[in-house]
């Protein structure tokens, strides 16, 4: 239990998790501006497919970076 008003210490967040969140947020913003919607789920099904493909690309890039990091640590 912590004192009132004090935050409990949490585990550190991996930098790639932060990067994935930032890139996903940036992609969501760019997508919404491009199609003039407030949220990606307001876009057409075809546009939503584009949105999902963009997220898939971001996640694939993060997985590659993580695998490379793990490979370097294993050396």
N, C-alpha and C. Protein backbone atom coordinates (compact mmCIF):
# COMPACT_ATOMS: atom_id res chain seq x y z
N UNK A 1 0.84 -1.18 0.00
CA UNK A 1 0.00 0.00 0.00
C UNK A 1 0.89 1.24 0.00
N UNK A 2 0.50 2.22 -0.74
CA UNK A 2 1.29 3.46 -0.79
C UNK A 2 0.58 4.55 -0.01
N UNK A 3 1.35 5.57 0.30
CA UNK A 3 0.77 6.72 0.97
C UNK A 3 -0.21 7.40 0.04
N UNK A 4 -1.18 8.04 0.63
CA UNK A 4 -2.17 8.75 -0.17
C UNK A 4 -1.47 9.80 -1.04
N UNK A 5 -1.81 9.81 -2.32
CA UNK A 5 -1.23 10.79 -3.23
C UNK A 5 0.08 10.34 -3.86
N UNK A 6 0.59 9.21 -3.45
CA UNK A 6 1.84 8.71 -4.02
C UNK A 6 1.53 7.57 -4.97
N UNK A 7 2.24 7.53 -6.07
CA UNK A 7 2.07 6.47 -7.04
C UNK A 7 2.91 5.26 -6.66
N UNK A 8 2.36 4.10 -6.86
CA UNK A 8 3.13 2.88 -6.64
C UNK A 8 4.13 2.73 -7.77
N UNK A 9 5.31 2.25 -7.46
CA UNK A 9 6.32 2.05 -8.48
C UNK A 9 5.91 0.88 -9.36
N UNK A 10 6.04 1.07 -10.65
CA UNK A 10 5.67 0.00 -11.58
C UNK A 10 6.92 -0.47 -12.33
N UNK A 11 6.76 -1.58 -13.00
CA UNK A 11 7.85 -2.10 -13.80
C UNK A 11 8.12 -1.14 -14.96
N UNK A 12 9.37 -1.03 -15.37
CA UNK A 12 9.67 -0.16 -16.51
C UNK A 12 9.03 -0.69 -17.79
N UNK A 13 8.69 0.22 -18.66
CA UNK A 13 8.09 -0.14 -19.94
C UNK A 13 9.19 -0.24 -20.98
N UNK A 14 9.19 -1.31 -21.75
CA UNK A 14 10.20 -1.50 -22.78
C UNK A 14 10.07 -0.39 -23.82
N UNK A 15 11.19 0.18 -24.24
CA UNK A 15 11.15 1.28 -25.22
C UNK A 15 10.40 0.94 -26.51
N UNK A 16 10.43 -0.33 -26.92
CA UNK A 16 9.71 -0.69 -28.15
C UNK A 16 8.20 -0.67 -27.95
N UNK A 17 7.74 -0.89 -26.72
CA UNK A 17 6.31 -0.78 -26.44
C UNK A 17 5.89 0.68 -26.57
N UNK A 18 6.71 1.57 -26.05
CA UNK A 18 6.45 3.00 -26.16
C UNK A 18 6.46 3.42 -27.63
N UNK A 19 7.45 2.93 -28.37
CA UNK A 19 7.55 3.27 -29.79
C UNK A 19 6.34 2.77 -30.57
N UNK A 20 5.90 1.55 -30.29
CA UNK A 20 4.74 1.00 -30.98
C UNK A 20 3.50 1.84 -30.70
N UNK A 21 3.33 2.26 -29.46
CA UNK A 21 2.20 3.10 -29.11
C UNK A 21 2.24 4.44 -29.81
N UNK A 22 3.43 5.03 -29.86
CA UNK A 22 3.58 6.34 -30.51
C UNK A 22 3.31 6.23 -32.00
N UNK A 23 3.89 5.23 -32.65
CA UNK A 23 3.69 5.06 -34.09
C UNK A 23 2.23 4.74 -34.43
N UNK A 24 1.59 3.93 -33.60
CA UNK A 24 0.18 3.62 -33.83
C UNK A 24 -0.69 4.86 -33.68
N UNK A 25 -0.39 5.65 -32.68
CA UNK A 25 -1.14 6.89 -32.46
C UNK A 25 -0.95 7.86 -33.62
N UNK A 26 0.29 8.00 -34.08
CA UNK A 26 0.57 8.88 -35.21
C UNK A 26 -0.16 8.40 -36.46
N UNK A 27 -0.17 7.08 -36.70
CA UNK A 27 -0.83 6.52 -37.86
C UNK A 27 -2.34 6.76 -37.78
N UNK A 28 -2.91 6.59 -36.59
CA UNK A 28 -4.34 6.81 -36.41
C UNK A 28 -4.70 8.27 -36.72
N UNK A 29 -3.89 9.19 -36.22
CA UNK A 29 -4.13 10.61 -36.47
C UNK A 29 -4.05 10.92 -37.97
N UNK A 30 -2.97 10.45 -38.61
CA UNK A 30 -2.80 10.70 -40.05
C UNK A 30 -3.95 10.11 -40.85
N UNK A 31 -4.38 8.92 -40.50
CA UNK A 31 -5.48 8.26 -41.18
C UNK A 31 -6.76 9.08 -41.05
N UNK A 32 -7.07 9.49 -39.83
CA UNK A 32 -8.29 10.26 -39.58
C UNK A 32 -8.28 11.58 -40.33
N UNK A 33 -7.14 12.24 -40.37
CA UNK A 33 -7.04 13.49 -41.12
C UNK A 33 -7.23 13.23 -42.60
N UNK A 34 -6.59 12.18 -43.10
CA UNK A 34 -6.67 11.86 -44.53
C UNK A 34 -8.11 11.63 -44.98
N UNK A 35 -8.91 10.93 -44.15
CA UNK A 35 -10.26 10.58 -44.54
C UNK A 35 -11.34 11.45 -43.88
N UNK A 36 -10.92 12.42 -43.08
CA UNK A 36 -11.88 13.34 -42.47
C UNK A 36 -12.84 12.69 -41.49
N UNK A 37 -12.33 11.76 -40.72
CA UNK A 37 -13.14 11.09 -39.71
C UNK A 37 -12.55 11.34 -38.33
N UNK A 38 -13.37 11.16 -37.31
CA UNK A 38 -12.88 11.33 -35.94
C UNK A 38 -12.21 10.07 -35.41
N UNK A 39 -12.69 8.92 -35.86
CA UNK A 39 -12.16 7.64 -35.43
C UNK A 39 -12.05 6.71 -36.64
N UNK A 40 -11.05 5.83 -36.66
CA UNK A 40 -10.90 4.93 -37.81
C UNK A 40 -12.14 4.07 -38.09
N UNK A 41 -12.90 3.73 -37.06
CA UNK A 41 -14.07 2.89 -37.30
C UNK A 41 -15.23 3.64 -37.97
N UNK A 42 -15.05 4.94 -38.19
CA UNK A 42 -16.05 5.73 -38.92
C UNK A 42 -15.77 5.73 -40.42
N UNK A 43 -14.65 5.17 -40.83
CA UNK A 43 -14.27 5.14 -42.25
C UNK A 43 -15.01 4.01 -42.96
N UNK A 44 -14.90 4.00 -44.28
CA UNK A 44 -15.51 2.93 -45.06
C UNK A 44 -14.76 1.62 -44.80
N UNK A 45 -15.38 0.49 -45.11
CA UNK A 45 -14.69 -0.80 -44.91
C UNK A 45 -13.35 -0.87 -45.65
N UNK A 46 -13.29 -0.33 -46.85
CA UNK A 46 -12.03 -0.35 -47.62
C UNK A 46 -10.97 0.50 -46.92
N UNK A 47 -11.40 1.66 -46.40
CA UNK A 47 -10.46 2.53 -45.69
C UNK A 47 -10.01 1.86 -44.39
N UNK A 48 -10.92 1.17 -43.74
CA UNK A 48 -10.56 0.46 -42.51
C UNK A 48 -9.54 -0.64 -42.80
N UNK A 49 -9.66 -1.27 -43.96
CA UNK A 49 -8.66 -2.27 -44.37
C UNK A 49 -7.29 -1.61 -44.49
N UNK A 50 -7.24 -0.42 -45.05
CA UNK A 50 -5.98 0.34 -45.16
C UNK A 50 -5.43 0.65 -43.78
N UNK A 51 -6.32 1.04 -42.87
CA UNK A 51 -5.91 1.36 -41.51
C UNK A 51 -5.30 0.12 -40.84
N UNK A 52 -5.97 -0.99 -40.94
CA UNK A 52 -5.48 -2.24 -40.33
C UNK A 52 -4.15 -2.66 -40.94
N UNK A 53 -4.00 -2.48 -42.25
CA UNK A 53 -2.74 -2.81 -42.92
C UNK A 53 -1.61 -1.93 -42.38
N UNK A 54 -1.90 -0.67 -42.14
CA UNK A 54 -0.90 0.24 -41.57
C UNK A 54 -0.48 -0.20 -40.18
N UNK A 55 -1.45 -0.60 -39.37
CA UNK A 55 -1.12 -1.09 -38.02
C UNK A 55 -0.31 -2.38 -38.10
N UNK A 56 -0.69 -3.26 -39.02
CA UNK A 56 0.06 -4.51 -39.19
C UNK A 56 1.51 -4.23 -39.56
N UNK A 57 1.72 -3.24 -40.42
CA UNK A 57 3.07 -2.86 -40.82
C UNK A 57 3.87 -2.33 -39.63
N UNK A 58 3.24 -1.51 -38.82
CA UNK A 58 3.91 -0.97 -37.63
C UNK A 58 4.30 -2.11 -36.69
N UNK A 59 3.37 -3.01 -36.43
CA UNK A 59 3.64 -4.12 -35.51
C UNK A 59 4.71 -5.06 -36.05
N UNK A 60 4.71 -5.28 -37.36
CA UNK A 60 5.75 -6.12 -37.96
C UNK A 60 7.12 -5.48 -37.79
N UNK A 61 7.18 -4.16 -37.98
CA UNK A 61 8.45 -3.44 -37.82
C UNK A 61 8.94 -3.54 -36.38
N UNK A 62 8.04 -3.40 -35.41
CA UNK A 62 8.42 -3.49 -34.01
C UNK A 62 8.89 -4.91 -33.67
N UNK A 63 8.20 -5.92 -34.21
CA UNK A 63 8.63 -7.31 -33.98
C UNK A 63 10.03 -7.54 -34.54
N UNK A 64 10.32 -6.98 -35.72
CA UNK A 64 11.65 -7.12 -36.31
C UNK A 64 12.70 -6.45 -35.44
N UNK A 65 12.39 -5.26 -34.94
CA UNK A 65 13.34 -4.56 -34.07
C UNK A 65 13.57 -5.34 -32.78
N UNK A 66 12.51 -5.92 -32.24
CA UNK A 66 12.65 -6.70 -31.01
C UNK A 66 13.50 -7.95 -31.26
N UNK A 67 13.24 -8.61 -32.38
CA UNK A 67 14.03 -9.81 -32.71
C UNK A 67 15.50 -9.46 -32.89
N UNK A 68 15.77 -8.33 -33.53
CA UNK A 68 17.16 -7.89 -33.71
C UNK A 68 17.80 -7.58 -32.37
N UNK A 69 17.05 -6.95 -31.48
CA UNK A 69 17.56 -6.63 -30.15
C UNK A 69 17.87 -7.91 -29.38
N UNK A 70 16.99 -8.88 -29.46
CA UNK A 70 17.21 -10.14 -28.76
C UNK A 70 18.41 -10.89 -29.34
N UNK A 71 18.58 -10.80 -30.66
CA UNK A 71 19.71 -11.45 -31.32
C UNK A 71 21.03 -10.81 -30.86
N UNK A 72 21.04 -9.51 -30.75
CA UNK A 72 22.25 -8.80 -30.28
C UNK A 72 22.58 -9.17 -28.85
N UNK A 73 21.57 -9.32 -28.02
CA UNK A 73 21.80 -9.67 -26.62
C UNK A 73 22.28 -11.10 -26.47
N UNK A 74 21.92 -11.94 -27.44
CA UNK A 74 22.32 -13.34 -27.40
C UNK A 74 23.75 -13.56 -27.85
N UNK A 75 24.33 -12.57 -28.49
CA UNK A 75 25.71 -12.71 -29.00
C UNK A 75 26.73 -12.68 -27.90
